[in-house]
C-alpha atoms as a PDB file:
ATOM      1  CA  MET A   1      69.953  92.872 186.298  1.00  0.00           C
ATOM      2  CA  ARG A   2      68.679  89.571 184.966  1.00  0.00           C
ATOM      3  CA  MET A   3      69.637  87.282 182.115  1.00  0.00           C
ATOM      4  CA  ILE A   4      67.053  85.857 179.751  1.00  0.00           C
ATOM      5  CA  GLU A   5      67.555  83.379 176.953  1.00  0.00           C
ATOM      6  CA  ILE A   6      66.341  84.330 173.489  1.00  0.00           C
ATOM      7  CA  LEU A   7      65.474  81.961 170.654  1.00  0.00           C
ATOM      8  CA  ASN A   8      68.936  81.059 169.424  1.00  0.00           C
ATOM      9  CA  GLY A   9      70.192  80.255 172.932  1.00  0.00           C
ATOM     10  CA  LEU A  10      71.951  83.560 173.551  1.00  0.00           C
ATOM     11  CA  LYS A  11      71.594  85.032 177.009  1.00  0.00           C
ATOM     12  CA  ILE A  12      70.787  88.729 177.076  1.00  0.00           C
ATOM     13  CA  PRO A  13      71.031  90.971 180.155  1.00  0.00           C
ATOM     14  CA  ILE A  14      67.893  92.995 180.898  1.00  0.00           C
ATOM     15  CA  SER A  15      67.103  95.395 183.698  1.00  0.00           C
ATOM     16  CA  ASN A  16      64.657  94.589 186.475  1.00  0.00           C
ATOM     17  CA  GLU A  17      62.304  97.197 184.998  1.00  0.00           C
ATOM     18  CA  GLU A  18      62.401  95.451 181.603  1.00  0.00           C
ATOM     19  CA  PHE A  19      61.821  92.100 183.305  1.00  0.00           C
ATOM     20  CA  GLU A  20      58.742  93.425 185.119  1.00  0.00           C
ATOM     21  CA  PHE A  21      57.400  94.803 181.822  1.00  0.00           C
ATOM     22  CA  LEU A  22      57.899  91.413 180.129  1.00  0.00           C
ATOM     23  CA  LYS A  23      55.717  89.757 182.777  1.00  0.00           C
ATOM     24  CA  LYS A  24      52.727  91.382 181.053  1.00  0.00           C
ATOM     25  CA  PHE A  25      53.318  89.099 178.071  1.00  0.00           C
ATOM     26  CA  SER A  26      52.803  85.944 180.147  1.00  0.00           C
ATOM     27  CA  LYS A  27      49.059  86.715 180.233  1.00  0.00           C
ATOM     28  CA  ILE A  28      48.622  88.713 177.008  1.00  0.00           C
ATOM     29  CA  LEU A  29      49.962  87.820 173.565  1.00  0.00           C
ATOM     30  CA  GLU A  30      50.207  91.391 172.300  1.00  0.00           C
ATOM     31  CA  ILE A  31      49.910  94.915 173.682  1.00  0.00           C
ATOM     32  CA  SER A  32      48.879  98.023 171.779  1.00  0.00           C
ATOM     33  CA  LYS A  33      51.238 100.988 171.990  1.00  0.00           C
ATOM     34  CA  SER A  34      48.267 103.254 172.758  1.00  0.00           C
ATOM     35  CA  LEU A  35      47.694 101.383 176.045  1.00  0.00           C
ATOM     36  CA  LEU A  36      51.236 101.992 177.272  1.00  0.00           C
ATOM     37  CA  SER A  37      52.556 104.958 179.221  1.00  0.00           C
ATOM     38  CA  GLU A  38      55.421 106.965 177.759  1.00  0.00           C
ATOM     39  CA  ARG A  39      57.897 105.110 179.992  1.00  0.00           C
ATOM     40  CA  GLU A  40      56.481 101.694 179.006  1.00  0.00           C
ATOM     41  CA  GLN A  41      56.766 102.668 175.328  1.00  0.00           C
ATOM     42  CA  TYR A  42      60.442 103.459 175.904  1.00  0.00           C
ATOM     43  CA  ILE A  43      60.987 100.087 177.634  1.00  0.00           C
ATOM     44  CA  ALA A  44      59.154  98.285 174.827  1.00  0.00           C
ATOM     45  CA  ASN A  45      61.388  99.980 172.242  1.00  0.00           C
ATOM     46  CA  GLN A  46      64.500  98.944 174.186  1.00  0.00           C
ATOM     47  CA  LEU A  47      63.259  95.334 174.166  1.00  0.00           C
ATOM     48  CA  VAL A  48      62.661  95.569 170.402  1.00  0.00           C
ATOM     49  CA  ILE A  49      66.299  96.634 169.977  1.00  0.00           C
ATOM     50  CA  LYS A  50      67.392  93.614 172.042  1.00  0.00           C
ATOM     51  CA  ASP A  51      65.253  91.264 169.841  1.00  0.00           C
ATOM     52  CA  ILE A  52      63.020  90.282 172.746  1.00  0.00           C
ATOM     53  CA  LEU A  53      59.868  92.032 171.481  1.00  0.00           C
ATOM     54  CA  GLN A  54      58.588  92.566 167.973  1.00  0.00           C
ATOM     55  CA  ARG A  55      56.908  95.804 166.888  1.00  0.00           C
ATOM     56  CA  GLN A  56      54.240  95.522 164.176  1.00  0.00           C
ATOM     57  CA  ASN A  57      52.111  98.098 162.405  1.00  0.00           C
ATOM     58  CA  ILE A  58      48.699  96.577 161.666  1.00  0.00           C
ATOM     59  CA  ASP A  59      46.228  98.916 159.981  1.00  0.00           C
ATOM     60  CA  GLY A  60      47.991 101.970 161.406  1.00  0.00           C
ATOM     61  CA  LYS A  61      47.969 100.557 164.944  1.00  0.00           C
ATOM     62  CA  ILE A  62      51.329  99.682 166.528  1.00  0.00           C
ATOM     63  CA  ILE A  63      51.433  96.549 168.649  1.00  0.00           C
ATOM     64  CA  TYR A  64      54.203  94.796 170.560  1.00  0.00           C
ATOM     65  CA  LYS A  65      54.478  91.018 170.636  1.00  0.00           C
ATOM     66  CA  LYS A  66      56.972  88.765 172.371  1.00  0.00           C
ATOM     67  CA  ILE A  67      59.180  86.949 169.860  1.00  0.00           C
ATOM     68  CA  THR A  68      58.532  83.208 170.087  1.00  0.00           C
ATOM     69  CA  SER A  69      59.772  80.177 168.226  1.00  0.00           C
ATOM     70  CA  LYS A  70      57.756  79.056 165.211  1.00  0.00           C
END
């Protein structure tokens, strides 16, 4: 279990598996859902619920992006 800080300063607990998945976003700004395994899609959805990732539908293609400050 790890704690990460989201935009408004709140610390959110995430699992080690979620943390490892988030490492992908240090090199890539967005990831298409079609490139993810079924398990990774589940993890991505859990991170959307926790307000760590954002899910967007662009031209019928679902992508995940890390939420960052503007």
